[in-house]
Every structure is written in C-alpha cells, then in structure tokens.
N, C-alpha and C. Protein backbone atom coordinates (compact mmCIF):
# COMPACT_ATOMS: atom_id res chain seq x y z
N UNK A 1 11.14 0.61 23.69
CA UNK A 1 11.19 1.77 22.81
C UNK A 1 10.24 1.55 21.64
N UNK A 2 9.55 2.58 21.25
CA UNK A 2 8.62 2.51 20.14
C UNK A 2 9.33 2.44 18.80
N UNK A 3 8.56 2.41 17.75
CA UNK A 3 9.07 2.34 16.39
C UNK A 3 8.98 3.70 15.72
N UNK A 4 9.76 3.87 14.66
CA UNK A 4 9.62 5.03 13.79
C UNK A 4 8.71 4.59 12.65
N UNK A 5 7.60 5.32 12.46
CA UNK A 5 6.56 4.87 11.53
C UNK A 5 6.17 6.01 10.59
N UNK A 6 6.31 5.75 9.32
CA UNK A 6 5.82 6.68 8.31
C UNK A 6 4.33 6.44 8.12
N UNK A 7 3.53 7.47 8.29
CA UNK A 7 2.10 7.42 7.98
C UNK A 7 1.90 8.28 6.73
N UNK A 8 1.44 7.65 5.64
CA UNK A 8 1.36 8.39 4.38
C UNK A 8 0.19 7.91 3.54
N UNK A 9 -0.62 8.84 3.07
CA UNK A 9 -1.67 8.53 2.12
C UNK A 9 -1.07 8.52 0.72
N UNK A 10 -1.47 7.52 -0.08
CA UNK A 10 -0.86 7.35 -1.39
C UNK A 10 -1.90 6.82 -2.37
N UNK A 11 -1.84 7.29 -3.61
CA UNK A 11 -2.71 6.77 -4.66
C UNK A 11 -2.25 5.37 -5.04
N UNK A 12 -3.12 4.62 -5.69
CA UNK A 12 -2.78 3.27 -6.10
C UNK A 12 -1.57 3.27 -7.03
N UNK A 13 -1.38 4.34 -7.81
CA UNK A 13 -0.23 4.40 -8.71
C UNK A 13 0.99 5.05 -8.06
N UNK A 14 1.00 5.18 -6.73
CA UNK A 14 2.21 5.53 -6.01
C UNK A 14 2.48 7.00 -5.75
N UNK A 15 1.50 7.87 -5.95
CA UNK A 15 1.72 9.30 -5.76
C UNK A 15 1.18 9.78 -4.41
N UNK A 16 1.93 10.68 -3.78
CA UNK A 16 1.50 11.27 -2.51
C UNK A 16 1.08 12.73 -2.70
N UNK A 17 1.22 13.22 -3.90
CA UNK A 17 0.73 14.55 -4.30
C UNK A 17 0.48 14.49 -5.80
N UNK A 18 -0.49 15.27 -6.24
CA UNK A 18 -0.80 15.31 -7.66
C UNK A 18 0.15 16.23 -8.41
N UNK A 19 -0.03 16.37 -9.73
CA UNK A 19 0.81 17.26 -10.51
C UNK A 19 0.55 18.73 -10.15
N UNK A 20 1.47 19.59 -10.52
CA UNK A 20 1.36 21.04 -10.35
C UNK A 20 1.38 21.47 -8.89
N UNK A 21 2.25 20.86 -8.10
CA UNK A 21 2.43 21.27 -6.70
C UNK A 21 3.03 22.66 -6.64
N UNK A 22 2.44 23.52 -5.86
CA UNK A 22 2.98 24.85 -5.59
C UNK A 22 2.71 25.18 -4.13
N UNK A 23 3.22 26.31 -3.66
CA UNK A 23 2.92 26.73 -2.29
C UNK A 23 1.43 26.91 -2.09
N UNK A 24 0.74 27.38 -3.10
CA UNK A 24 -0.71 27.60 -3.01
C UNK A 24 -1.51 26.32 -3.28
N UNK A 25 -0.88 25.34 -3.89
CA UNK A 25 -1.53 24.08 -4.27
C UNK A 25 -0.67 22.94 -3.72
N UNK A 26 -0.54 22.90 -2.39
CA UNK A 26 0.44 22.06 -1.71
C UNK A 26 0.36 20.57 -2.01
N UNK A 27 -0.81 20.06 -2.29
CA UNK A 27 -0.94 18.63 -2.62
C UNK A 27 -1.09 18.40 -4.11
N UNK A 28 -0.89 19.45 -4.90
CA UNK A 28 -1.02 19.33 -6.35
C UNK A 28 -2.46 19.13 -6.77
N UNK A 29 -2.66 19.05 -8.07
CA UNK A 29 -4.01 18.87 -8.61
C UNK A 29 -4.54 17.49 -8.23
N UNK A 30 -5.67 17.47 -7.56
CA UNK A 30 -6.29 16.22 -7.15
C UNK A 30 -5.72 15.59 -5.89
N UNK A 31 -4.67 16.18 -5.36
CA UNK A 31 -4.01 15.60 -4.18
C UNK A 31 -4.85 15.63 -2.92
N UNK A 32 -5.80 16.55 -2.84
CA UNK A 32 -6.68 16.59 -1.66
C UNK A 32 -7.45 15.29 -1.50
N UNK A 33 -7.71 14.61 -2.60
CA UNK A 33 -8.45 13.34 -2.56
C UNK A 33 -7.75 12.33 -1.67
N UNK A 34 -6.43 12.43 -1.54
CA UNK A 34 -5.66 11.46 -0.76
C UNK A 34 -5.93 11.55 0.74
N UNK A 35 -6.50 12.66 1.18
CA UNK A 35 -6.69 12.86 2.62
C UNK A 35 -8.16 12.98 3.02
N UNK A 36 -9.06 12.72 2.10
CA UNK A 36 -10.49 12.80 2.42
C UNK A 36 -10.89 11.84 3.53
N UNK A 37 -10.20 10.72 3.65
CA UNK A 37 -10.54 9.73 4.67
C UNK A 37 -10.28 10.26 6.08
N UNK A 38 -9.46 11.29 6.21
CA UNK A 38 -9.10 11.83 7.52
C UNK A 38 -10.03 12.96 7.94
N UNK A 39 -10.45 13.82 7.02
CA UNK A 39 -11.18 15.05 7.36
C UNK A 39 -12.57 15.07 6.78
N UNK A 40 -13.63 14.84 7.49
CA UNK A 40 -13.64 14.23 8.83
C UNK A 40 -13.50 12.73 8.69
N UNK A 41 -13.06 12.07 9.75
CA UNK A 41 -12.94 10.61 9.65
C UNK A 41 -14.29 9.99 9.36
N UNK A 42 -14.27 8.95 8.56
CA UNK A 42 -15.53 8.36 8.08
C UNK A 42 -16.01 7.17 8.89
N UNK A 43 -15.30 6.76 9.92
CA UNK A 43 -15.81 5.62 10.67
C UNK A 43 -14.80 4.92 11.53
N UNK A 44 -15.16 3.71 11.92
CA UNK A 44 -14.44 2.94 12.91
C UNK A 44 -12.99 2.66 12.60
N UNK A 45 -12.70 2.00 11.48
CA UNK A 45 -11.32 1.64 11.16
C UNK A 45 -10.49 2.90 10.94
N UNK A 46 -11.01 3.85 10.19
CA UNK A 46 -10.27 5.09 9.95
C UNK A 46 -9.98 5.81 11.26
N UNK A 47 -10.97 5.85 12.14
CA UNK A 47 -10.76 6.48 13.45
C UNK A 47 -9.67 5.77 14.23
N UNK A 48 -9.63 4.45 14.16
CA UNK A 48 -8.59 3.69 14.86
C UNK A 48 -7.20 4.08 14.38
N UNK A 49 -7.03 4.19 13.08
CA UNK A 49 -5.73 4.55 12.51
C UNK A 49 -5.37 5.98 12.89
N UNK A 50 -6.33 6.89 12.83
CA UNK A 50 -6.08 8.27 13.23
C UNK A 50 -5.67 8.32 14.69
N UNK A 51 -6.37 7.60 15.54
CA UNK A 51 -6.01 7.56 16.96
C UNK A 51 -4.59 7.05 17.17
N UNK A 52 -4.16 6.08 16.36
CA UNK A 52 -2.80 5.56 16.47
C UNK A 52 -1.76 6.64 16.18
N UNK A 53 -1.92 7.33 15.05
CA UNK A 53 -0.86 8.31 14.76
C UNK A 53 -0.97 9.57 15.60
N UNK A 54 -2.13 9.80 16.19
CA UNK A 54 -2.26 10.94 17.10
C UNK A 54 -1.87 10.59 18.53
N UNK A 55 -1.41 9.37 18.76
CA UNK A 55 -0.92 9.00 20.08
C UNK A 55 0.58 8.75 20.09
N UNK A 56 1.25 9.13 19.03
CA UNK A 56 2.70 8.99 18.97
C UNK A 56 3.36 10.00 19.90
N UNK A 57 4.63 9.74 20.25
CA UNK A 57 5.31 10.56 21.24
C UNK A 57 6.22 11.64 20.70
N UNK A 58 6.44 11.67 19.39
CA UNK A 58 7.28 12.69 18.76
C UNK A 58 7.01 12.64 17.26
N UNK A 59 7.45 13.69 16.56
CA UNK A 59 7.26 13.79 15.11
C UNK A 59 8.59 14.16 14.47
N UNK A 60 8.91 13.50 13.35
CA UNK A 60 10.01 13.91 12.48
C UNK A 60 9.39 14.19 11.12
N UNK A 61 9.60 15.39 10.61
CA UNK A 61 8.99 15.80 9.34
C UNK A 61 10.01 16.55 8.50
N UNK A 62 9.77 16.56 7.23
CA UNK A 62 10.57 17.38 6.34
C UNK A 62 10.03 18.80 6.30
N UNK A 63 10.89 19.71 5.91
CA UNK A 63 10.50 21.12 5.79
C UNK A 63 9.36 21.28 4.81
N UNK A 64 9.38 20.49 3.71
CA UNK A 64 8.35 20.58 2.69
C UNK A 64 6.98 20.12 3.17
N UNK A 65 6.93 19.41 4.27
CA UNK A 65 5.67 19.02 4.89
C UNK A 65 5.31 19.99 6.00
N UNK A 66 6.28 20.33 6.82
CA UNK A 66 6.06 21.16 8.00
C UNK A 66 5.66 22.60 7.63
N UNK A 67 6.39 23.23 6.75
CA UNK A 67 6.15 24.65 6.46
C UNK A 67 4.82 24.90 5.73
N UNK A 68 4.45 24.10 4.70
CA UNK A 68 3.13 24.35 4.09
C UNK A 68 1.96 24.13 5.05
N UNK A 69 2.19 23.33 6.10
CA UNK A 69 1.15 23.10 7.11
C UNK A 69 1.22 24.15 8.21
N UNK A 70 1.96 25.25 7.97
CA UNK A 70 2.15 26.31 8.96
C UNK A 70 2.66 25.74 10.28
N UNK A 71 3.47 24.69 10.17
CA UNK A 71 4.08 24.10 11.35
C UNK A 71 3.07 23.57 12.34
N UNK A 72 1.87 23.28 11.87
CA UNK A 72 0.79 22.84 12.75
C UNK A 72 0.68 23.78 13.95
N UNK A 73 1.06 25.04 13.70
CA UNK A 73 1.01 26.07 14.74
C UNK A 73 1.81 25.66 15.98
N UNK A 74 2.87 24.88 15.75
CA UNK A 74 3.77 24.47 16.82
C UNK A 74 3.29 23.28 17.63
N UNK A 75 2.15 22.70 17.26
CA UNK A 75 1.62 21.57 18.03
C UNK A 75 0.93 20.59 17.09
N UNK A 76 1.67 19.58 16.63
CA UNK A 76 1.06 18.56 15.77
C UNK A 76 -0.05 17.85 16.52
N UNK A 77 0.24 17.43 17.74
CA UNK A 77 -0.76 16.82 18.64
C UNK A 77 -0.17 16.70 20.04
N UNK A 78 -0.95 17.01 21.01
CA UNK A 78 -0.61 16.82 22.42
C UNK A 78 0.71 17.44 22.85
N UNK A 79 1.20 18.44 22.14
CA UNK A 79 2.43 19.12 22.53
C UNK A 79 3.70 18.31 22.34
N UNK A 80 3.64 17.22 21.54
CA UNK A 80 4.84 16.40 21.36
C UNK A 80 5.91 17.19 20.61
N UNK A 81 7.18 16.89 20.87
CA UNK A 81 8.25 17.59 20.17
C UNK A 81 8.30 17.21 18.69
N UNK A 82 8.74 18.18 17.89
CA UNK A 82 8.78 18.02 16.43
C UNK A 82 10.19 18.33 15.95
N UNK A 83 10.78 17.43 15.18
CA UNK A 83 12.06 17.68 14.52
C UNK A 83 11.78 17.88 13.05
N UNK A 84 12.33 18.95 12.48
CA UNK A 84 12.13 19.30 11.07
C UNK A 84 13.47 19.18 10.36
N UNK A 85 13.52 18.31 9.36
CA UNK A 85 14.73 18.14 8.57
C UNK A 85 14.78 19.21 7.49
N UNK A 86 15.86 19.99 7.52
CA UNK A 86 15.99 21.09 6.57
C UNK A 86 17.45 21.48 6.42
N UNK A 87 17.82 21.86 5.23
CA UNK A 87 19.17 22.40 4.99
C UNK A 87 19.22 23.90 5.30
N UNK A 88 18.05 24.48 5.46
CA UNK A 88 17.94 25.92 5.75
C UNK A 88 17.57 26.13 7.22
N UNK A 89 17.89 27.29 7.77
CA UNK A 89 17.47 27.56 9.14
C UNK A 89 15.95 27.73 9.22
N UNK A 90 15.44 27.64 10.42
CA UNK A 90 14.00 27.80 10.63
C UNK A 90 13.56 29.18 10.18
N UNK A 91 12.39 29.28 9.55
CA UNK A 91 11.88 30.60 9.19
C UNK A 91 11.53 31.36 10.48
N UNK A 92 11.49 32.66 10.37
CA UNK A 92 11.25 33.51 11.54
C UNK A 92 9.96 33.13 12.26
N UNK A 93 8.89 32.81 11.51
CA UNK A 93 7.61 32.49 12.14
C UNK A 93 7.68 31.21 12.97
N UNK A 94 8.63 30.33 12.70
CA UNK A 94 8.74 29.09 13.47
C UNK A 94 9.65 29.24 14.69
N UNK A 95 10.34 30.36 14.77
CA UNK A 95 11.29 30.57 15.86
C UNK A 95 10.66 30.57 17.24
N UNK A 96 9.40 30.94 17.33
CA UNK A 96 8.75 30.98 18.65
C UNK A 96 8.09 29.66 19.03
N UNK A 97 8.21 28.66 18.16
CA UNK A 97 7.61 27.35 18.43
C UNK A 97 8.61 26.53 19.24
N UNK A 98 8.41 26.47 20.54
CA UNK A 98 9.39 25.89 21.45
C UNK A 98 9.51 24.37 21.32
N UNK A 99 8.52 23.72 20.78
CA UNK A 99 8.59 22.26 20.65
C UNK A 99 9.21 21.83 19.32
N UNK A 100 9.66 22.80 18.50
CA UNK A 100 10.16 22.52 17.16
C UNK A 100 11.67 22.71 17.10
N UNK A 101 12.37 21.71 16.54
CA UNK A 101 13.81 21.78 16.34
C UNK A 101 14.11 21.56 14.86
N UNK A 102 14.76 22.52 14.24
CA UNK A 102 15.23 22.37 12.86
C UNK A 102 16.63 21.78 12.88
N UNK A 103 16.87 20.82 12.00
CA UNK A 103 18.19 20.21 11.89
C UNK A 103 18.37 19.62 10.50
N UNK A 104 19.60 19.47 10.08
CA UNK A 104 19.91 18.77 8.84
C UNK A 104 20.47 17.38 9.14
N UNK A 105 20.62 17.06 10.42
CA UNK A 105 21.21 15.80 10.85
C UNK A 105 20.10 14.77 11.08
N UNK A 106 19.86 13.93 10.08
CA UNK A 106 18.76 12.96 10.18
C UNK A 106 19.00 11.97 11.31
N UNK A 107 20.25 11.57 11.52
CA UNK A 107 20.54 10.62 12.60
C UNK A 107 20.22 11.22 13.96
N UNK A 108 20.61 12.46 14.18
CA UNK A 108 20.32 13.14 15.45
C UNK A 108 18.81 13.33 15.63
N UNK A 109 18.11 13.70 14.55
CA UNK A 109 16.67 13.91 14.64
C UNK A 109 15.96 12.63 15.06
N UNK A 110 16.29 11.52 14.43
CA UNK A 110 15.63 10.26 14.77
C UNK A 110 16.03 9.78 16.16
N UNK A 111 17.30 9.93 16.52
CA UNK A 111 17.76 9.54 17.86
C UNK A 111 17.03 10.33 18.93
N UNK A 112 16.99 11.66 18.75
CA UNK A 112 16.36 12.52 19.75
C UNK A 112 14.85 12.33 19.81
N UNK A 113 14.23 12.10 18.65
CA UNK A 113 12.78 11.85 18.63
C UNK A 113 12.45 10.54 19.32
N UNK A 114 13.24 9.51 19.08
CA UNK A 114 13.03 8.22 19.76
C UNK A 114 13.15 8.38 21.28
N UNK A 115 14.16 9.12 21.68
CA UNK A 115 14.37 9.35 23.11
C UNK A 115 13.19 10.10 23.72
N UNK A 116 12.74 11.13 23.04
CA UNK A 116 11.62 11.93 23.55
C UNK A 116 10.32 11.12 23.58
N UNK A 117 10.13 10.23 22.61
CA UNK A 117 8.90 9.45 22.52
C UNK A 117 8.84 8.34 23.57
N UNK A 118 9.98 7.93 24.08
CA UNK A 118 10.00 6.86 25.07
C UNK A 118 9.46 5.56 24.49
N UNK A 119 8.42 5.02 25.11
CA UNK A 119 7.81 3.76 24.66
C UNK A 119 6.85 3.97 23.49
N UNK A 120 6.51 5.21 23.19
CA UNK A 120 5.58 5.49 22.10
C UNK A 120 6.32 5.51 20.76
N UNK A 121 5.55 5.40 19.68
CA UNK A 121 6.12 5.48 18.34
C UNK A 121 6.47 6.92 17.99
N UNK A 122 7.32 7.06 16.98
CA UNK A 122 7.64 8.35 16.38
C UNK A 122 6.91 8.43 15.05
N UNK A 123 6.11 9.47 14.86
CA UNK A 123 5.39 9.71 13.62
C UNK A 123 6.33 10.38 12.63
N UNK A 124 6.47 9.79 11.45
CA UNK A 124 7.33 10.35 10.41
C UNK A 124 6.44 10.87 9.29
N UNK A 125 6.73 12.11 8.86
CA UNK A 125 5.95 12.77 7.80
C UNK A 125 6.89 13.20 6.66
N UNK A 126 6.43 13.04 5.43
CA UNK A 126 7.12 13.60 4.28
C UNK A 126 7.83 12.56 3.43
N UNK A 127 7.69 12.70 2.11
CA UNK A 127 8.29 11.74 1.18
C UNK A 127 9.81 11.79 1.23
N UNK A 128 10.39 12.97 1.16
CA UNK A 128 11.86 13.07 1.19
C UNK A 128 12.42 12.56 2.50
N UNK A 129 11.75 12.88 3.59
CA UNK A 129 12.18 12.40 4.90
C UNK A 129 12.12 10.88 4.94
N UNK A 130 11.05 10.30 4.42
CA UNK A 130 10.93 8.85 4.39
C UNK A 130 12.03 8.23 3.54
N UNK A 131 12.29 8.80 2.38
CA UNK A 131 13.32 8.26 1.50
C UNK A 131 14.69 8.31 2.17
N UNK A 132 15.01 9.43 2.80
CA UNK A 132 16.29 9.55 3.50
C UNK A 132 16.36 8.58 4.67
N UNK A 133 15.27 8.43 5.41
CA UNK A 133 15.26 7.54 6.57
C UNK A 133 15.39 6.08 6.16
N UNK A 134 14.72 5.69 5.08
CA UNK A 134 14.85 4.32 4.59
C UNK A 134 16.29 4.05 4.18
N UNK A 135 16.87 4.96 3.41
CA UNK A 135 18.25 4.80 2.94
C UNK A 135 19.24 4.73 4.10
N UNK A 136 18.95 5.45 5.18
CA UNK A 136 19.85 5.47 6.35
C UNK A 136 19.54 4.35 7.34
N UNK A 137 18.51 3.54 7.06
CA UNK A 137 18.15 2.45 7.97
C UNK A 137 17.50 2.92 9.25
N UNK A 138 16.84 4.09 9.22
CA UNK A 138 16.24 4.68 10.42
C UNK A 138 14.73 4.50 10.52
N UNK A 139 14.10 4.08 9.44
CA UNK A 139 12.65 3.93 9.44
C UNK A 139 12.29 2.46 9.70
N UNK A 140 11.48 2.22 10.73
CA UNK A 140 11.12 0.86 11.11
C UNK A 140 9.90 0.32 10.37
N UNK A 141 8.88 1.17 10.19
CA UNK A 141 7.62 0.69 9.64
C UNK A 141 7.01 1.71 8.69
N UNK A 142 6.17 1.20 7.80
CA UNK A 142 5.38 2.01 6.86
C UNK A 142 3.91 1.76 7.13
N UNK A 143 3.14 2.81 7.29
CA UNK A 143 1.68 2.70 7.34
C UNK A 143 1.19 3.48 6.12
N UNK A 144 0.83 2.74 5.09
CA UNK A 144 0.38 3.36 3.84
C UNK A 144 -1.14 3.33 3.81
N UNK A 145 -1.73 4.49 3.61
CA UNK A 145 -3.17 4.60 3.45
C UNK A 145 -3.42 4.65 1.95
N UNK A 146 -3.76 3.51 1.38
CA UNK A 146 -3.89 3.38 -0.07
C UNK A 146 -5.28 3.84 -0.50
N UNK A 147 -5.27 4.88 -1.33
CA UNK A 147 -6.51 5.53 -1.76
C UNK A 147 -6.87 5.04 -3.16
N UNK A 148 -8.13 4.66 -3.40
CA UNK A 148 -8.53 4.11 -4.69
C UNK A 148 -8.69 5.20 -5.76
N UNK A 149 -7.56 5.74 -6.16
CA UNK A 149 -7.53 6.74 -7.22
C UNK A 149 -6.20 6.61 -7.95
N UNK A 150 -6.20 6.91 -9.23
CA UNK A 150 -4.98 6.97 -10.04
C UNK A 150 -4.74 8.43 -10.38
N UNK A 151 -3.69 9.01 -9.83
CA UNK A 151 -3.40 10.42 -10.11
C UNK A 151 -2.65 10.61 -11.42
N UNK A 152 -1.92 9.59 -11.88
CA UNK A 152 -1.25 9.66 -13.18
C UNK A 152 0.08 10.39 -13.16
N UNK A 153 0.18 11.45 -12.40
CA UNK A 153 1.40 12.24 -12.29
C UNK A 153 1.45 12.84 -10.90
N UNK A 154 2.61 13.38 -10.55
CA UNK A 154 2.76 14.05 -9.28
C UNK A 154 4.06 13.66 -8.61
N UNK A 155 4.04 13.63 -7.27
CA UNK A 155 5.23 13.27 -6.51
C UNK A 155 5.06 11.85 -5.97
N UNK A 156 6.02 11.01 -6.30
CA UNK A 156 5.98 9.61 -5.86
C UNK A 156 6.59 9.49 -4.47
N UNK A 157 6.10 8.51 -3.73
CA UNK A 157 6.62 8.28 -2.40
C UNK A 157 7.98 7.59 -2.43
N UNK A 158 8.15 6.60 -3.27
CA UNK A 158 9.35 5.77 -3.20
C UNK A 158 10.30 6.03 -4.37
N UNK A 159 10.74 7.27 -4.51
CA UNK A 159 11.78 7.61 -5.48
C UNK A 159 13.10 7.75 -4.74
N UNK A 160 14.16 7.75 -5.46
CA UNK A 160 15.49 8.08 -4.93
C UNK A 160 15.95 7.13 -3.84
N UNK A 161 15.55 5.86 -3.92
CA UNK A 161 16.00 4.88 -2.93
C UNK A 161 17.19 4.06 -3.42
N UNK A 162 17.56 4.24 -4.68
CA UNK A 162 18.65 3.45 -5.23
C UNK A 162 18.17 2.07 -5.65
N UNK A 163 19.11 1.23 -6.08
CA UNK A 163 18.77 -0.08 -6.62
C UNK A 163 18.67 -1.16 -5.55
N UNK A 164 19.06 -0.86 -4.32
CA UNK A 164 19.02 -1.87 -3.26
C UNK A 164 17.58 -2.29 -2.97
N UNK A 165 17.35 -3.60 -2.97
CA UNK A 165 16.02 -4.10 -2.63
C UNK A 165 15.88 -4.15 -1.12
N UNK A 166 14.69 -3.83 -0.66
CA UNK A 166 14.38 -3.89 0.77
C UNK A 166 13.16 -4.77 0.95
N UNK A 167 13.27 -5.69 1.84
CA UNK A 167 12.17 -6.61 2.10
C UNK A 167 11.23 -6.00 3.14
N UNK A 168 9.94 -6.21 2.92
CA UNK A 168 8.93 -5.72 3.84
C UNK A 168 8.16 -6.92 4.40
N UNK A 169 7.85 -6.83 5.68
CA UNK A 169 7.02 -7.84 6.32
C UNK A 169 5.65 -7.23 6.57
N UNK A 170 4.62 -7.82 6.00
CA UNK A 170 3.27 -7.29 6.19
C UNK A 170 2.83 -7.53 7.63
N UNK A 171 2.42 -6.47 8.30
CA UNK A 171 1.94 -6.56 9.67
C UNK A 171 0.43 -6.59 9.74
N UNK A 172 -0.24 -5.85 8.84
CA UNK A 172 -1.71 -5.86 8.84
C UNK A 172 -2.24 -5.19 7.57
N UNK A 173 -3.47 -5.53 7.27
CA UNK A 173 -4.24 -4.90 6.20
C UNK A 173 -5.61 -4.61 6.79
N UNK A 174 -5.99 -3.32 6.80
CA UNK A 174 -7.28 -2.92 7.36
C UNK A 174 -8.10 -2.22 6.28
N UNK A 175 -9.23 -2.79 5.88
CA UNK A 175 -10.11 -2.07 4.95
C UNK A 175 -10.84 -0.96 5.70
N UNK A 176 -10.60 0.26 5.28
CA UNK A 176 -11.21 1.41 5.94
C UNK A 176 -12.44 1.90 5.21
N UNK A 177 -13.13 2.82 5.84
CA UNK A 177 -14.31 3.42 5.26
C UNK A 177 -13.91 4.34 4.11
N UNK A 178 -14.80 4.50 3.13
CA UNK A 178 -14.54 5.39 2.00
C UNK A 178 -13.57 4.80 0.98
N UNK A 179 -13.32 3.49 1.06
CA UNK A 179 -12.47 2.83 0.07
C UNK A 179 -10.99 2.78 0.41
N UNK A 180 -10.54 3.47 1.44
CA UNK A 180 -9.13 3.45 1.80
C UNK A 180 -8.76 2.09 2.39
N UNK A 181 -7.55 1.62 2.08
CA UNK A 181 -7.00 0.41 2.67
C UNK A 181 -5.73 0.81 3.41
N UNK A 182 -5.68 0.47 4.70
CA UNK A 182 -4.53 0.80 5.54
C UNK A 182 -3.59 -0.40 5.55
N UNK A 183 -2.39 -0.21 5.02
CA UNK A 183 -1.39 -1.27 4.90
C UNK A 183 -0.23 -0.96 5.83
N UNK A 184 0.14 -1.90 6.68
CA UNK A 184 1.27 -1.68 7.59
C UNK A 184 2.33 -2.73 7.35
N UNK A 185 3.58 -2.25 7.19
CA UNK A 185 4.72 -3.13 6.90
C UNK A 185 5.87 -2.79 7.83
N UNK A 186 6.63 -3.79 8.20
CA UNK A 186 7.91 -3.59 8.88
C UNK A 186 9.00 -3.69 7.82
N UNK A 187 9.94 -2.78 7.88
CA UNK A 187 11.08 -2.82 6.95
C UNK A 187 12.13 -3.75 7.56
N UNK A 188 12.50 -4.76 6.79
CA UNK A 188 13.48 -5.72 7.31
C UNK A 188 14.87 -5.44 6.81
C-alpha cells in the first residue's frame, strides 16, 4: 500500500498563501510566487517531483483548495478519484463530477483514498486537511517545496496542531531549479 503524502509549496517563513486571501486572490498577495516552479516546470529535478505527484492513485483535498481550483474540472490527473473534506454539501457545479466525493469524515476519506490508490501514493492537498490529518495520525509523509521568499504574513501550513511534538525523519533533500528545495519527511 502506498503512503499518504502532502505536497505543498511553502515560503521559508512558513506560509502557503500570502496576506489578503480572497476568492479572487486565492493565494493572497505574492502567493503565486510559491508555485512558479511548477508552471511551467523549470527543469529536471522539478519535473521529477511533478511526475511523482501526478502519478498518485487518489487525491484528498480540502474544500478551500478544491473549490477555488474549480475542482480541477473533475480530474486532478489521470481520472483518479478525489475526496473533498467539507462540512458543507458539494456545490451544484461539482455534482456532475463522478470521481469526486464530498465528506466530513476524514478517516473514511483517507481509508477510501488508500484503497482506491492501491500500491500508489495518495496526494494530499490543503493546509487545513494536512493539519487535521497530522492530528488524526493519517498523514504519512510531507513533501515541502521550500521557496526562497519571505512572505511575512498569510496562511501558515503548520498551525492548529496543538502542543504535541511530532518527530520527522528526513527522507531526501532535492535542490530544484529556480531556487526551490524539495524536502521530504516521514512523520514518525
């Protein structure tokens, strides 16, 4: 069985979105800088990492990630199933997306995504989803794409985890093109 892996771009000061996030400014002021390494990919190492997360067998995402991305039009990649964590029902526009399941049950979402992914990894998206999954012991690994920028304010990746310390085992460090450093850790 594969692992559940959070893939997340983050500023050196820990932000995954800049200040002033709105529906029209989904990554906040300056937040687009965090994803420049992906669109278009700048080279070998970055392409390798992109290929890894685009070969996962299922996706678990938060509503705050899924809906601003227009649900990836129902296909994040290769038609893999997508579980969306939300306290609200699916919006009408997502109702016709047959590969998408809305749920508030994080345990069921991760269980079902793991089952659907088989031997492949499950791609996890979203800060709140990651925080909930870490707290519930459901997230196996972190792939942090560390971007050489200080945003100063915005939305932090590792908030709301409580005082419990969690040990991480470094699996790899890959210097990517454009200054990004890809850091992979196993949560112990």
